Amino acid sequence: MDRIRELIDNIKDYGILNKVPIMSEDTIETINNIINENNIHSILEIGTAIGYSTICFASNNNTNRIISIERDDERYSTAVENVKLSGLSNIELIHDDALNVEINDMFDLIIIDAAKSQNIKFLNKYKNNLNNNGIIIIDNLDFHGYVGKSSEIKSRNLRQMVKKIEKFIDYLDNNDEFEVEYIKVGDTLGVCKRKNL
């Protein structure tokens, strides 16, 4: 396990150095706690990046299987190398746009941490892969503190991105299917559990 801990630290350093967006340590810790508290064994991750969070969650003793999807060529290649170095056999990486992938398996936990503008599409596509008492976690719902302040943002592209996240939060708050809890760690997590089970 020390070898994996060292690898995870190396991947984190690489991510910081190369400006790859990776989960904060408190976000990883919070999700690992959710995995442990809810007896989660299977995970689908939308957005592998370089495999940092994937390996963190795969090395949790509860996790039997994690499938992670990444569309970016360079990040996917780096993730493949990192997974090889980890020696973990419970990780499957898919190189594709998550909106094009068809997965029939069911999961205890689905983590959405990819293109923020596609959050509604990811949620609606993959909620069908969630076990009845499963959990969906969406990362970066505060988007570096910009969410809720879109009218003040000068950059048009950034403003549009933040408006899409604000619209998504509004969608979560008004949906009939999921109860949503917002956890203020990292860049804010949305934790969704089905209502009326």
C-alpha atoms as a PDB file:
ATOM      1  CA  MET A   1       0.000   0.000   0.000  1.00  0.00           C
ATOM      2  CA  ASP A   2       2.940   2.329   0.621  1.00  0.00           C
ATOM      3  CA  ARG A   3       3.893   1.913  -3.046  1.00  0.00           C
ATOM      4  CA  ILE A   4       0.388   3.008  -4.110  1.00  0.00           C
ATOM      5  CA  ARG A   5       0.485   5.945  -1.677  1.00  0.00           C
ATOM      6  CA  GLU A   6       3.789   7.037  -3.219  1.00  0.00           C
ATOM      7  CA  LEU A   7       2.342   6.672  -6.739  1.00  0.00           C
ATOM      8  CA  ILE A   8      -0.740   8.710  -5.781  1.00  0.00           C
ATOM      9  CA  ASP A   9       1.524  11.481  -4.427  1.00  0.00           C
ATOM     10  CA  ASN A  10       3.588  11.418  -7.653  1.00  0.00           C
ATOM     11  CA  ILE A  11       0.450  11.650  -9.813  1.00  0.00           C
ATOM     12  CA  LYS A  12      -0.803  14.574  -7.722  1.00  0.00           C
ATOM     13  CA  ASP A  13       2.532  16.395  -8.145  1.00  0.00           C
ATOM     14  CA  TYR A  14       2.443  15.742 -11.908  1.00  0.00           C
ATOM     15  CA  GLY A  15      -1.126  17.073 -12.079  1.00  0.00           C
ATOM     16  CA  ILE A  16      -0.227  20.271 -10.228  1.00  0.00           C
ATOM     17  CA  LEU A  17       2.937  20.793 -12.308  1.00  0.00           C
ATOM     18  CA  ASN A  18       1.129  20.224 -15.627  1.00  0.00           C
ATOM     19  CA  LYS A  19      -2.053  22.089 -14.644  1.00  0.00           C
ATOM     20  CA  VAL A  20      -4.232  19.001 -14.967  1.00  0.00           C
ATOM     21  CA  PRO A  21      -7.432  19.467 -12.961  1.00  0.00           C
ATOM     22  CA  ILE A  22      -7.415  16.806 -10.256  1.00  0.00           C
ATOM     23  CA  MET A  23      -9.574  16.404  -7.151  1.00  0.00           C
ATOM     24  CA  SER A  24      -8.437  18.064  -3.955  1.00  0.00           C
ATOM     25  CA  GLU A  25      -7.305  15.832  -1.098  1.00  0.00           C
ATOM     26  CA  ASP A  26     -10.308  16.718   1.057  1.00  0.00           C
ATOM     27  CA  THR A  27     -12.633  15.826  -1.855  1.00  0.00           C
ATOM     28  CA  ILE A  28     -10.910  12.430  -2.224  1.00  0.00           C
ATOM     29  CA  GLU A  29     -11.193  11.877   1.529  1.00  0.00           C
ATOM     30  CA  THR A  30     -14.889  12.836   1.554  1.00  0.00           C
ATOM     31  CA  ILE A  31     -15.722  10.488  -1.342  1.00  0.00           C
ATOM     32  CA  ASN A  32     -13.721   7.659   0.260  1.00  0.00           C
ATOM     33  CA  ASN A  33     -15.770   8.190   3.439  1.00  0.00           C
ATOM     34  CA  ILE A  34     -18.974   7.985   1.363  1.00  0.00           C
ATOM     35  CA  ILE A  35     -17.683   4.742  -0.214  1.00  0.00           C
ATOM     36  CA  ASN A  36     -17.004   3.261   3.231  1.00  0.00           C
ATOM     37  CA  GLU A  37     -20.190   4.476   4.926  1.00  0.00           C
ATOM     38  CA  ASN A  38     -22.475   3.280   2.117  1.00  0.00           C
ATOM     39  CA  ASN A  39     -20.779  -0.059   1.448  1.00  0.00           C
ATOM     40  CA  ILE A  40     -20.021   0.889  -2.143  1.00  0.00           C
ATOM     41  CA  HIS A  41     -18.346  -1.800  -4.260  1.00  0.00           C
ATOM     42  CA  SER A  42     -18.753  -0.636  -7.877  1.00  0.00           C
ATOM     43  CA  ILE A  43     -17.973   2.818  -9.285  1.00  0.00           C
ATOM     44  CA  LEU A  44     -18.436   4.497 -12.654  1.00  0.00           C
ATOM     45  CA  GLU A  45     -16.306   7.627 -13.066  1.00  0.00           C
ATOM     46  CA  ILE A  46     -16.982  10.137 -15.831  1.00  0.00           C
ATOM     47  CA  GLY A  47     -13.677  11.956 -16.348  1.00  0.00           C
ATOM     48  CA  THR A  48     -10.507  10.029 -15.579  1.00  0.00           C
ATOM     49  CA  ALA A  49      -8.016  12.798 -16.371  1.00  0.00           C
ATOM     50  CA  ILE A  50      -4.639  11.196 -15.453  1.00  0.00           C
ATOM     51  CA  GLY A  51      -6.086   8.533 -13.153  1.00  0.00           C
ATOM     52  CA  TYR A  52      -5.448  10.272  -9.829  1.00  0.00           C
ATOM     53  CA  SER A  53      -8.935   9.941  -8.343  1.00  0.00           C
ATOM     54  CA  THR A  54      -9.454   6.603 -10.117  1.00  0.00           C
ATOM     55  CA  ILE A  55      -6.488   5.035  -8.330  1.00  0.00           C
ATOM     56  CA  CYS A  56      -7.427   6.698  -5.018  1.00  0.00           C
ATOM     57  CA  PHE A  57     -10.900   5.124  -5.124  1.00  0.00           C
ATOM     58  CA  ALA A  58      -9.747   1.793  -6.596  1.00  0.00           C
ATOM     59  CA  SER A  59      -7.294   1.384  -3.705  1.00  0.00           C
ATOM     60  CA  ASN A  60     -10.162   1.688  -1.196  1.00  0.00           C
ATOM     61  CA  ASN A  61     -10.695  -1.796   0.287  1.00  0.00           C
ATOM     62  CA  ASN A  62     -14.437  -1.628  -0.406  1.00  0.00           C
ATOM     63  CA  THR A  63     -14.028  -1.049  -4.148  1.00  0.00           C
ATOM     64  CA  ASN A  64     -14.279  -4.224  -6.219  1.00  0.00           C
ATOM     65  CA  ARG A  65     -14.531  -2.481  -9.574  1.00  0.00           C
ATOM     66  CA  ILE A  66     -14.184   0.961 -11.111  1.00  0.00           C
ATOM     67  CA  ILE A  67     -14.800   1.891 -14.744  1.00  0.00           C
ATOM     68  CA  SER A  68     -13.505   5.327 -15.722  1.00  0.00           C
ATOM     69  CA  ILE A  69     -14.074   7.202 -19.003  1.00  0.00           C
ATOM     70  CA  GLU A  70     -11.735   9.825 -20.493  1.00  0.00           C
ATOM     71  CA  ARG A  71     -11.948  11.413 -23.942  1.00  0.00           C
ATOM     72  CA  ASP A  72      -8.677  13.391 -23.990  1.00  0.00           C
ATOM     73  CA  ASP A  73      -5.944  11.383 -25.782  1.00  0.00           C
ATOM     74  CA  GLU A  74      -2.964  12.594 -23.765  1.00  0.00           C
ATOM     75  CA  ARG A  75      -4.661  12.344 -20.376  1.00  0.00           C
ATOM     76  CA  TYR A  76      -6.006   8.886 -21.199  1.00  0.00           C
ATOM     77  CA  SER A  77      -2.494   7.660 -22.165  1.00  0.00           C
ATOM     78  CA  THR A  78      -1.079   9.050 -18.918  1.00  0.00           C
ATOM     79  CA  ALA A  79      -3.890   7.396 -16.946  1.00  0.00           C
ATOM     80  CA  VAL A  80      -3.173   4.029 -18.616  1.00  0.00           C
ATOM     81  CA  GLU A  81       0.494   4.289 -17.574  1.00  0.00           C
ATOM     82  CA  ASN A  82      -0.450   5.264 -14.022  1.00  0.00           C
ATOM     83  CA  VAL A  83      -2.923   2.386 -13.693  1.00  0.00           C
ATOM     84  CA  LYS A  84      -0.221  -0.030 -14.920  1.00  0.00           C
ATOM     85  CA  LEU A  85       2.164   1.336 -12.293  1.00  0.00           C
ATOM     86  CA  SER A  86      -0.493   0.904  -9.595  1.00  0.00           C
ATOM     87  CA  GLY A  87      -0.764  -2.836 -10.236  1.00  0.00           C
ATOM     88  CA  LEU A  88      -4.471  -2.608  -9.344  1.00  0.00           C
ATOM     89  CA  SER A  89      -6.638  -5.086 -11.249  1.00  0.00           C
ATOM     90  CA  ASN A  90     -10.039  -3.563 -10.428  1.00  0.00           C
ATOM     91  CA  ILE A  91      -9.743  -0.608 -12.845  1.00  0.00           C
ATOM     92  CA  GLU A  92     -11.082  -0.499 -16.409  1.00  0.00           C
ATOM     93  CA  LEU A  93     -10.361   2.606 -18.492  1.00  0.00           C
ATOM     94  CA  ILE A  94     -12.443   3.601 -21.524  1.00  0.00           C
ATOM     95  CA  HIS A  95     -11.091   6.068 -24.096  1.00  0.00           C
ATOM     96  CA  ASP A  96     -14.103   7.890 -25.539  1.00  0.00           C
ATOM     97  CA  ASP A  97     -16.525  10.741 -25.043  1.00  0.00           C
ATOM     98  CA  ALA A  98     -18.767   9.636 -22.162  1.00  0.00           C
ATOM     99  CA  LEU A  99     -21.838  10.756 -24.117  1.00  0.00           C
ATOM    100  CA  ASN A 100     -20.988   8.181 -26.818  1.00  0.00           C
ATOM    101  CA  VAL A 101     -20.307   5.255 -24.493  1.00  0.00           C
ATOM    102  CA  GLU A 102     -22.967   2.615 -23.892  1.00  0.00           C
ATOM    103  CA  ILE A 103     -22.631   0.812 -20.567  1.00  0.00           C
ATOM    104  CA  ASN A 104     -25.191  -1.750 -19.415  1.00  0.00           C
ATOM    105  CA  ASP A 105     -23.737  -2.528 -15.973  1.00  0.00           C
ATOM    106  CA  MET A 106     -25.154  -1.124 -12.749  1.00  0.00           C
ATOM    107  CA  PHE A 107     -23.076   0.764 -10.164  1.00  0.00           C
ATOM    108  CA  ASP A 108     -23.285   1.709  -6.492  1.00  0.00           C
ATOM    109  CA  LEU A 109     -21.611   5.069  -7.140  1.00  0.00           C
ATOM    110  CA  ILE A 110     -21.361   7.291 -10.208  1.00  0.00           C
ATOM    111  CA  ILE A 111     -18.897  10.199 -10.107  1.00  0.00           C
ATOM    112  CA  ILE A 112     -19.341  12.984 -12.675  1.00  0.00           C
ATOM    113  CA  ASP A 113     -16.189  15.066 -13.003  1.00  0.00           C
ATOM    114  CA  ALA A 114     -15.892  15.924 -16.698  1.00  0.00           C
ATOM    115  CA  ALA A 115     -17.025  18.742 -19.034  1.00  0.00           C
ATOM    116  CA  LYS A 116     -19.095  20.937 -16.698  1.00  0.00           C
ATOM    117  CA  SER A 117     -21.336  22.153 -19.525  1.00  0.00           C
ATOM    118  CA  GLN A 118     -22.510  18.557 -20.082  1.00  0.00           C
ATOM    119  CA  ASN A 119     -23.512  17.784 -16.470  1.00  0.00           C
ATOM    120  CA  ILE A 120     -27.258  17.531 -17.211  1.00  0.00           C
ATOM    121  CA  LYS A 121     -26.606  15.190 -20.156  1.00  0.00           C
ATOM    122  CA  PHE A 122     -24.206  13.030 -18.115  1.00  0.00           C
ATOM    123  CA  LEU A 123     -26.673  12.805 -15.222  1.00  0.00           C
ATOM    124  CA  ASN A 124     -29.634  11.883 -17.415  1.00  0.00           C
ATOM    125  CA  LYS A 125     -27.637   9.356 -19.436  1.00  0.00           C
ATOM    126  CA  TYR A 126     -25.959   7.520 -16.564  1.00  0.00           C
ATOM    127  CA  LYS A 127     -28.630   7.645 -13.836  1.00  0.00           C
ATOM    128  CA  ASN A 128     -30.020   4.542 -15.546  1.00  0.00           C
ATOM    129  CA  ASN A 129     -26.795   2.731 -14.542  1.00  0.00           C
ATOM    130  CA  LEU A 130     -27.287   3.504 -10.853  1.00  0.00           C
ATOM    131  CA  ASN A 131     -28.372   0.814  -8.431  1.00  0.00           C
ATOM    132  CA  ASN A 132     -31.588   1.631  -6.558  1.00  0.00           C
ATOM    133  CA  ASN A 133     -29.862   2.766  -3.376  1.00  0.00           C
ATOM    134  CA  GLY A 134     -26.818   4.097  -5.244  1.00  0.00           C
ATOM    135  CA  ILE A 135     -25.304   7.583  -5.122  1.00  0.00           C
ATOM    136  CA  ILE A 136     -24.304  10.073  -7.829  1.00  0.00           C
ATOM    137  CA  ILE A 137     -21.602  12.612  -6.964  1.00  0.00           C
ATOM    138  CA  ILE A 138     -20.940  15.668  -9.121  1.00  0.00           C
ATOM    139  CA  ASP A 139     -17.718  17.615  -8.504  1.00  0.00           C
ATOM    140  CA  ASN A 140     -16.856  21.306  -9.046  1.00  0.00           C
ATOM    141  CA  LEU A 141     -20.281  22.823  -8.431  1.00  0.00           C
ATOM    142  CA  ASP A 142     -18.754  26.031  -7.066  1.00  0.00           C
ATOM    143  CA  PHE A 143     -16.375  26.379 -10.034  1.00  0.00           C
ATOM    144  CA  HIS A 144     -13.593  28.288  -8.246  1.00  0.00           C
ATOM    145  CA  GLY A 145     -16.078  30.535  -6.447  1.00  0.00           C
ATOM    146  CA  TYR A 146     -17.654  31.906  -9.650  1.00  0.00           C
ATOM    147  CA  VAL A 147     -21.019  30.148  -9.310  1.00  0.00           C
ATOM    148  CA  GLY A 148     -23.693  32.608  -8.228  1.00  0.00           C
ATOM    149  CA  LYS A 149     -21.681  35.527  -9.625  1.00  0.00           C
ATOM    150  CA  SER A 150     -21.997  34.924 -13.374  1.00  0.00           C
ATOM    151  CA  SER A 151     -23.322  38.454 -14.018  1.00  0.00           C
ATOM    152  CA  GLU A 152     -20.025  39.902 -12.725  1.00  0.00           C
ATOM    153  CA  ILE A 153     -17.759  37.810 -15.007  1.00  0.00           C
ATOM    154  CA  LYS A 154     -16.126  39.768 -17.849  1.00  0.00           C
ATOM    155  CA  SER A 155     -14.945  36.823 -19.966  1.00  0.00           C
ATOM    156  CA  ARG A 156     -17.798  35.639 -22.216  1.00  0.00           C
ATOM    157  CA  ASN A 157     -16.630  31.999 -22.330  1.00  0.00           C
ATOM    158  CA  LEU A 158     -16.203  31.766 -18.563  1.00  0.00           C
ATOM    159  CA  ARG A 159     -19.538  33.508 -17.998  1.00  0.00           C
ATOM    160  CA  GLN A 160     -21.328  31.020 -20.265  1.00  0.00           C
ATOM    161  CA  MET A 161     -19.661  28.075 -18.518  1.00  0.00           C
ATOM    162  CA  VAL A 162     -20.646  29.360 -15.068  1.00  0.00           C
ATOM    163  CA  LYS A 163     -24.212  30.052 -16.235  1.00  0.00           C
ATOM    164  CA  LYS A 164     -24.454  26.406 -17.354  1.00  0.00           C
ATOM    165  CA  ILE A 165     -23.339  25.229 -13.898  1.00  0.00           C
ATOM    166  CA  GLU A 166     -25.846  27.609 -12.250  1.00  0.00           C
ATOM    167  CA  LYS A 167     -28.557  26.207 -14.531  1.00  0.00           C
ATOM    168  CA  PHE A 168     -27.481  22.665 -13.588  1.00  0.00           C
ATOM    169  CA  ILE A 169     -27.679  23.439  -9.839  1.00  0.00           C
ATOM    170  CA  ASP A 170     -31.148  24.890 -10.412  1.00  0.00           C
ATOM    171  CA  TYR A 171     -32.025  21.676 -12.273  1.00  0.00           C
ATOM    172  CA  LEU A 172     -30.769  19.567  -9.338  1.00  0.00           C
ATOM    173  CA  ASP A 173     -32.675  21.684  -6.814  1.00  0.00           C
ATOM    174  CA  ASN A 174     -35.944  21.287  -8.715  1.00  0.00           C
ATOM    175  CA  ASN A 175     -35.727  17.658  -9.851  1.00  0.00           C
ATOM    176  CA  ASP A 176     -38.229  15.095  -8.540  1.00  0.00           C
ATOM    177  CA  GLU A 177     -35.955  12.069  -8.632  1.00  0.00           C
ATOM    178  CA  PHE A 178     -32.983  12.889  -6.407  1.00  0.00           C
ATOM    179  CA  GLU A 179     -32.429  14.384  -2.993  1.00  0.00           C
ATOM    180  CA  VAL A 180     -29.276  16.546  -3.267  1.00  0.00           C
ATOM    181  CA  GLU A 181     -26.835  17.449  -0.517  1.00  0.00           C
ATOM    182  CA  TYR A 182     -24.081  19.980  -1.219  1.00  0.00           C
ATOM    183  CA  ILE A 183     -20.816  19.369   0.595  1.00  0.00           C
ATOM    184  CA  LYS A 184     -18.403  22.298   0.792  1.00  0.00           C
ATOM    185  CA  VAL A 185     -15.127  20.474   0.211  1.00  0.00           C
ATOM    186  CA  GLY A 186     -12.713  21.213  -2.614  1.00  0.00           C
ATOM    187  CA  ASP A 187     -14.824  22.973  -5.233  1.00  0.00           C
ATOM    188  CA  THR A 188     -18.153  21.710  -3.751  1.00  0.00           C
ATOM    189  CA  LEU A 189     -19.698  18.293  -4.283  1.00  0.00           C
ATOM    190  CA  GLY A 190     -23.322  17.550  -5.102  1.00  0.00           C
ATOM    191  CA  VAL A 191     -24.325  14.205  -3.559  1.00  0.00           C
ATOM    192  CA  CYS A 192     -27.515  12.803  -5.103  1.00  0.00           C
ATOM    193  CA  LYS A 193     -29.605   9.981  -3.631  1.00  0.00           C
ATOM    194  CA  ARG A 194     -32.886   8.759  -5.050  1.00  0.00           C
ATOM    195  CA  LYS A 195     -36.037   9.917  -3.292  1.00  0.00           C
ATOM    196  CA  ASN A 196     -38.882   7.602  -2.259  1.00  0.00           C
ATOM    197  CA  LEU A 197     -36.983   4.318  -2.346  1.00  0.00           C
END
